Structures are given as structure tokens and as C-alpha cells.
Protein backbone atom coordinates (compact mmCIF):
# COMPACT_ATOMS: atom_id res chain seq x y z
CA MET A 1 78.71 50.61 9.87
CA ILE A 2 81.31 52.82 8.26
CA ASP A 3 83.18 55.23 10.48
CA PRO A 4 82.17 58.94 10.10
CA PHE A 5 85.33 59.99 8.24
CA THR A 6 84.98 57.30 5.57
CA ASP A 7 81.24 58.03 5.25
CA ARG A 8 81.90 61.74 4.52
CA ALA A 9 84.67 60.89 2.07
CA LEU A 10 82.39 58.44 0.27
CA TRP A 11 79.64 61.06 -0.13
CA GLY A 12 82.24 63.54 -1.40
CA VAL A 13 83.41 61.09 -4.05
CA VAL A 14 79.80 60.39 -5.06
CA ALA A 15 79.06 64.13 -5.37
CA LEU A 16 82.18 64.71 -7.48
CA ALA A 17 81.33 61.76 -9.74
CA ILE A 18 77.79 63.04 -10.34
CA SER A 19 79.10 66.55 -11.06
CA LEU A 20 81.61 65.17 -13.55
CA ILE A 21 78.92 63.13 -15.32
CA VAL A 22 76.65 66.19 -15.62
CA LEU A 23 79.56 68.25 -16.97
CA VAL A 24 80.43 65.64 -19.60
CA ILE A 25 76.78 65.36 -20.71
CA GLY A 26 76.58 69.16 -21.01
CA ILE A 27 79.75 69.30 -23.12
CA LEU A 28 78.48 66.52 -25.41
CA TYR A 29 75.13 68.28 -25.82
CA ALA A 30 76.83 71.56 -26.71
CA ALA A 31 79.14 69.79 -29.18
CA THR A 32 76.24 68.23 -31.09
CA TRP A 33 74.41 71.52 -31.75
CA ARG A 34 73.80 72.19 -35.42
CA PRO A 35 72.26 75.22 -37.14
CA GLU A 36 69.63 73.07 -38.88
CA HIS A 37 68.03 72.44 -35.47
CA GLU A 38 66.88 76.07 -35.35
CA PRO A 39 63.40 77.02 -36.56
CA PRO A 40 63.27 78.27 -40.16
CA GLN A 41 63.48 82.02 -40.64
CA ALA A 42 61.30 83.94 -43.06
CA PRO A 43 63.29 84.96 -46.13
CA ALA A 44 64.21 88.61 -46.31
CA THR A 45 62.49 89.79 -49.46
CA ALA A 46 60.79 92.96 -50.56
CA GLU A 47 57.40 91.23 -50.23
CA GLU A 48 54.96 92.80 -47.78
CA ALA A 49 54.90 90.99 -44.43
CA TYR A 50 53.11 91.32 -41.10
CA THR A 51 54.85 90.78 -37.78
CA TYR A 52 53.02 89.80 -34.62
CA THR A 53 54.43 89.44 -31.12
CA CYS A 54 52.93 87.03 -28.60
CA TYR A 55 53.59 87.90 -24.95
CA CYS A 56 51.88 84.83 -23.50
CA HIS A 57 55.21 83.12 -22.68
CA ARG A 58 58.12 84.16 -20.49
CA GLU A 59 60.06 85.24 -23.59
CA PRO A 60 58.11 87.09 -26.33
CA VAL A 61 57.53 85.09 -29.51
CA HIS A 62 57.80 86.98 -32.82
CA ILE A 63 55.80 85.67 -35.78
CA THR A 64 56.27 87.02 -39.30
CA LEU A 65 53.78 86.15 -42.04
CA ARG A 66 54.20 87.10 -45.66
CA ALA A 67 51.16 88.71 -47.28
CA SER A 68 50.82 85.68 -49.58
CA GLU A 69 50.47 83.37 -46.52
CA LEU A 70 47.55 85.28 -44.98
CA PRO A 71 44.06 83.91 -45.55
CA ARG A 72 41.97 86.03 -47.91
CA ARG A 73 38.31 86.78 -47.44
CA HIS A 74 36.19 86.14 -50.49
CA ALA A 75 32.54 86.84 -51.28
CA ARG A 76 29.79 85.68 -48.88
CA GLY A 77 32.11 85.55 -45.88
CA HIS A 78 34.00 82.37 -46.78
CA TRP A 79 37.67 82.09 -45.86
CA ARG A 80 39.96 80.61 -48.47
CA ARG A 81 43.67 80.39 -49.01
């Protein structure tokens, strides 16, 4: 077997190597971020819009629908777009 001092030094080197690899992967991930990866935002126009907030997740989700995107109710109870 390996003596205790060498064994501890080996585990220290392994821990530092893993930490360095995680750091490099994090830096590469942050460097590849692009604005087009974000979800599309509703255009800011004067058109009437409705905003809903869903609290079913840890962070609230805000949903904005323009009035033209809402389904309209027509005669005899049928839903149409």
C-alpha cells in the first residue's frame, strides 16, 4: 500500500484537479451565453394585453398575452381563434 502521507497528497491532487475542471467548464459555459437563447419577449406596443402570474414554481412565472392572441367565444359556445 501507499504510505499515509502520499495517500493524503494524492487525494489532495485529485480534489484540486476536479475543482479546476469544474471551474474551466463553468467559464466555458458562461462564455458561450448568447442573448438569442433567452425566451422571446412580447413587443411593447400600445395594443391591449393581459398579464398573468403563475406561482406554481419556486420563482413566479409572468405570462403576457396580447388581446389578439386570446381565444374568442363565438355563438353557440364554440371557441375559435
